[in-house]
């Protein structure tokens, strides 16, 4: 199912890119004055729209970004996110897609937080971004009863491409990002045993943000 979803997303990206090329017949820079008019934007990851798995593996991933454009090339923002993990986040993608229950937590982990973001346009629509999220964690056992609370410092680093639609009122940002969480406190022993099998980072996750721009 996830492979099919990835194919669908790639199709959407290619179609959106073709559509944007039709709209932008002239070779316009993404860092010109017309972009500068859109001071604010609101976006979310496509994961927020596709919580379709069965309950046991549904991450209930919801994310919201509110950004302000400082210059034609620089944006800062606030990010709020929450998700519910059934397995360690550091598990490689090929292992995650197997859904082997011996890799699952003995319960669930809810992580919710708020943080800051920075995005820099490198060339035309190509951008790099960094996001830092302060998260509160709630550990639940298999009966959905709380075991303990903790704290995580979660960071992610992104390389993507901005695709404007409808005169840049709506946009897509397909991207690849890496995640790293240097601080992770108060992990119950049963959960720690699963975490220790993997790294405290995850490399090269595909994603796509969907956003709306607002004029100043």
Protein backbone atom coordinates (compact mmCIF):
# COMPACT_ATOMS: atom_id res chain seq x y z
CA UNK A 1 0.00 0.00 0.00
CA UNK A 2 2.78 2.46 0.87
CA UNK A 3 4.60 1.69 -2.39
CA UNK A 4 1.37 2.43 -4.27
CA UNK A 5 1.01 5.67 -2.31
CA UNK A 6 4.53 6.70 -3.23
CA UNK A 7 3.80 6.08 -6.92
CA UNK A 8 0.63 8.19 -6.60
CA UNK A 9 2.56 11.01 -4.95
CA UNK A 10 5.20 10.95 -7.68
CA UNK A 11 2.39 11.15 -10.24
CA UNK A 12 0.92 14.16 -8.47
CA UNK A 13 4.32 15.84 -8.38
CA UNK A 14 4.94 15.29 -12.09
CA UNK A 15 1.44 16.47 -12.97
CA UNK A 16 1.77 19.55 -10.78
CA UNK A 17 5.11 20.37 -12.31
CA UNK A 18 3.68 20.11 -15.82
CA UNK A 19 0.73 22.29 -14.81
CA UNK A 20 3.01 24.92 -13.29
CA UNK A 21 5.06 24.99 -16.49
CA UNK A 22 1.91 25.74 -18.48
CA UNK A 23 1.01 28.54 -16.10
CA UNK A 24 4.52 29.99 -16.13
CA UNK A 25 5.32 30.21 -19.85
CA UNK A 26 8.01 32.75 -19.16
CA UNK A 27 11.14 31.86 -17.21
CA UNK A 28 10.32 33.53 -13.87
CA UNK A 29 12.56 33.31 -10.79
CA UNK A 30 11.02 31.97 -7.60
CA UNK A 31 12.73 34.75 -5.66
CA UNK A 32 11.25 37.74 -7.50
CA UNK A 33 8.92 40.48 -6.24
CA UNK A 34 5.76 38.55 -7.10
CA UNK A 35 6.73 35.86 -4.60
CA UNK A 36 7.61 38.50 -2.01
CA UNK A 37 3.97 39.66 -1.99
CA UNK A 38 3.00 36.41 -0.26
CA UNK A 39 4.26 37.11 3.23
CA UNK A 40 2.54 34.28 5.08
CA UNK A 41 1.95 30.62 4.32
CA UNK A 42 0.28 27.66 6.02
CA UNK A 43 1.28 24.11 5.14
CA UNK A 44 1.11 20.51 6.27
CA UNK A 45 2.73 17.23 5.31
CA UNK A 46 0.75 14.81 3.17
CA UNK A 47 0.97 12.33 6.09
CA UNK A 48 -1.61 14.50 7.84
CA UNK A 49 -4.11 13.71 5.08
CA UNK A 50 -3.41 9.99 4.75
CA UNK A 51 -3.91 8.30 8.12
CA UNK A 52 -5.45 5.26 6.44
CA UNK A 53 -3.71 2.25 8.02
CA UNK A 54 -5.35 -0.12 10.45
CA UNK A 55 -5.36 1.14 14.02
CA UNK A 56 -2.37 -0.92 15.11
CA UNK A 57 -0.06 0.79 12.61
CA UNK A 58 -1.85 4.13 12.17
CA UNK A 59 0.53 6.85 13.34
CA UNK A 60 -2.20 9.53 13.61
CA UNK A 61 0.31 11.99 12.19
CA UNK A 62 -0.86 15.62 12.14
CA UNK A 63 1.35 18.59 11.39
CA UNK A 64 0.89 22.33 10.81
CA UNK A 65 3.39 24.99 9.69
CA UNK A 66 2.82 28.75 9.81
CA UNK A 67 5.59 30.65 8.04
CA UNK A 68 6.62 34.25 7.47
CA UNK A 69 8.75 35.35 4.52
CA UNK A 70 11.63 37.55 5.71
CA UNK A 71 13.15 38.07 2.26
CA UNK A 72 12.43 36.69 -1.22
CA UNK A 73 14.68 33.74 -0.31
CA UNK A 74 14.24 33.28 3.46
CA UNK A 75 11.29 32.03 5.51
CA UNK A 76 10.96 31.39 9.23
CA UNK A 77 8.06 29.63 10.87
CA UNK A 78 6.37 27.85 13.73
CA UNK A 79 5.70 24.12 13.52
CA UNK A 80 3.23 22.09 15.60
CA UNK A 81 3.09 18.32 15.22
CA UNK A 82 1.80 15.18 16.88
CA UNK A 83 2.13 11.49 16.02
CA UNK A 84 1.68 8.10 17.65
CA UNK A 85 4.49 5.59 17.08
CA UNK A 86 4.05 1.82 17.12
CA UNK A 87 7.77 1.10 16.47
CA UNK A 88 11.13 2.90 16.88
CA UNK A 89 11.57 5.94 14.65
CA UNK A 90 15.21 5.03 13.95
CA UNK A 91 14.28 1.79 12.21
CA UNK A 92 15.39 1.85 8.53
CA UNK A 93 12.67 2.24 5.91
CA UNK A 94 13.07 -1.29 4.57
CA UNK A 95 12.42 -2.69 8.05
CA UNK A 96 9.46 -0.37 8.69
CA UNK A 97 7.72 -1.47 5.50
CA UNK A 98 7.87 -5.14 6.58
CA UNK A 99 5.57 -4.44 9.57
CA UNK A 100 7.20 -7.25 11.56
CA UNK A 101 5.46 -7.23 14.94
CA UNK A 102 8.59 -8.38 16.79
CA UNK A 103 9.96 -4.90 16.00
CA UNK A 104 6.92 -3.15 17.51
CA UNK A 105 6.83 -1.41 20.86
CA UNK A 106 5.03 -3.15 23.75
CA UNK A 107 2.41 -0.39 23.47
CA UNK A 108 2.40 3.02 21.80
CA UNK A 109 4.34 6.28 22.06
CA UNK A 110 2.57 9.62 21.58
CA UNK A 111 4.88 12.55 20.75
CA UNK A 112 3.53 16.11 20.51
CA UNK A 113 5.39 19.38 20.31
CA UNK A 114 6.00 22.83 18.92
CA UNK A 115 9.12 24.32 17.39
CA UNK A 116 10.69 26.60 14.80
CA UNK A 117 11.59 26.25 11.12
CA UNK A 118 13.89 28.01 8.65
CA UNK A 119 13.86 27.65 4.87
CA UNK A 120 16.33 29.09 2.37
CA UNK A 121 15.80 29.13 -1.39
CA UNK A 122 19.01 28.00 -3.09
CA UNK A 123 18.15 28.31 -6.77
CA UNK A 124 14.73 28.87 -8.34
CA UNK A 125 12.43 26.41 -6.52
CA UNK A 126 15.21 24.38 -4.91
CA UNK A 127 15.40 24.94 -1.15
CA UNK A 128 17.06 23.71 2.03
CA UNK A 129 15.36 23.82 5.43
CA UNK A 130 15.89 22.94 9.07
CA UNK A 131 13.23 22.26 11.70
CA UNK A 132 13.61 21.96 15.48
CA UNK A 133 10.78 20.52 17.55
CA UNK A 134 10.46 20.31 21.35
CA UNK A 135 8.31 17.29 22.10
CA UNK A 136 6.51 15.91 25.13
CA UNK A 137 6.20 12.11 25.09
CA UNK A 138 3.54 9.87 26.58
CA UNK A 139 4.18 6.12 26.79
CA UNK A 140 1.17 3.80 26.70
CA UNK A 141 1.10 0.06 27.39
CA UNK A 142 -0.79 -2.50 25.31
CA UNK A 143 -3.96 -1.70 27.27
CA UNK A 144 -3.62 1.99 26.33
CA UNK A 145 -2.79 2.96 29.92
CA UNK A 146 -0.12 5.60 30.53
CA UNK A 147 3.24 4.31 31.76
CA UNK A 148 5.33 7.48 31.89
CA UNK A 149 6.17 10.82 30.29
CA UNK A 150 9.37 12.06 28.70
CA UNK A 151 10.97 14.74 26.52
CA UNK A 152 12.56 14.63 23.06
CA UNK A 153 14.51 17.21 21.10
CA UNK A 154 13.69 16.36 17.48
CA UNK A 155 15.40 17.97 14.48
CA UNK A 156 15.05 17.46 10.73
CA UNK A 157 16.99 18.69 7.70
CA UNK A 158 15.29 19.03 4.31
CA UNK A 159 16.15 19.39 0.64
CA UNK A 160 13.18 19.99 -1.62
CA UNK A 161 11.58 21.83 -4.52
CA UNK A 162 8.82 24.46 -4.44
CA UNK A 163 6.13 23.91 -7.10
CA UNK A 164 3.69 26.87 -7.32
CA UNK A 165 0.12 26.35 -8.47
CA UNK A 166 -2.60 28.90 -9.32
CA UNK A 167 -0.20 31.87 -9.39
CA UNK A 168 1.55 30.58 -6.27
CA UNK A 169 -1.57 30.74 -4.12
CA UNK A 170 -1.19 27.00 -3.52
CA UNK A 171 2.06 25.05 -3.63
CA UNK A 172 3.58 21.60 -3.32
CA UNK A 173 7.03 20.96 -1.86
CA UNK A 174 8.29 17.41 -2.56
CA UNK A 175 11.39 16.81 -0.48
CA UNK A 176 13.80 14.41 1.15
CA UNK A 177 14.68 14.90 4.80
CA UNK A 178 16.89 13.42 7.49
CA UNK A 179 15.92 13.29 11.16
CA UNK A 180 18.07 13.37 14.30
CA UNK A 181 17.00 13.42 17.96
CA UNK A 182 20.00 14.04 20.27
CA UNK A 183 17.90 14.26 23.46
CA UNK A 184 15.40 11.55 24.44
CA UNK A 185 14.61 11.24 28.15
CA UNK A 186 12.78 8.94 30.55
CA UNK A 187 12.27 6.00 28.19
CA UNK A 188 10.71 2.92 29.91
CA UNK A 189 12.99 -0.11 29.86
CA UNK A 190 10.70 -2.19 27.61
CA UNK A 191 10.65 0.61 25.02
CA UNK A 192 14.39 1.26 25.45
CA UNK A 193 15.17 -2.33 24.49
CA UNK A 194 13.51 -1.75 21.12
CA UNK A 195 15.07 1.71 20.59
CA UNK A 196 18.57 0.40 21.32
CA UNK A 197 18.36 -1.92 18.30
CA UNK A 198 18.39 1.11 15.99
CA UNK A 199 19.95 4.57 15.57
CA UNK A 200 18.80 7.92 16.95
CA UNK A 201 18.55 9.23 13.40
CA UNK A 202 16.71 8.38 10.18
CA UNK A 203 18.10 9.14 6.73
CA UNK A 204 16.41 10.14 3.49
CA UNK A 205 12.68 10.00 4.15
CA UNK A 206 10.53 11.16 1.19
CA UNK A 207 7.80 13.64 2.02
CA UNK A 208 5.66 16.36 0.50
CA UNK A 209 4.28 19.54 2.04
CA UNK A 210 1.03 21.02 0.77
CA UNK A 211 0.57 24.72 1.44
CA UNK A 212 -1.38 27.93 0.87
CA UNK A 213 0.18 31.40 0.52
CA UNK A 214 -1.38 34.61 1.82
CA UNK A 215 -0.61 38.14 0.72
CA UNK A 216 0.52 40.73 3.25
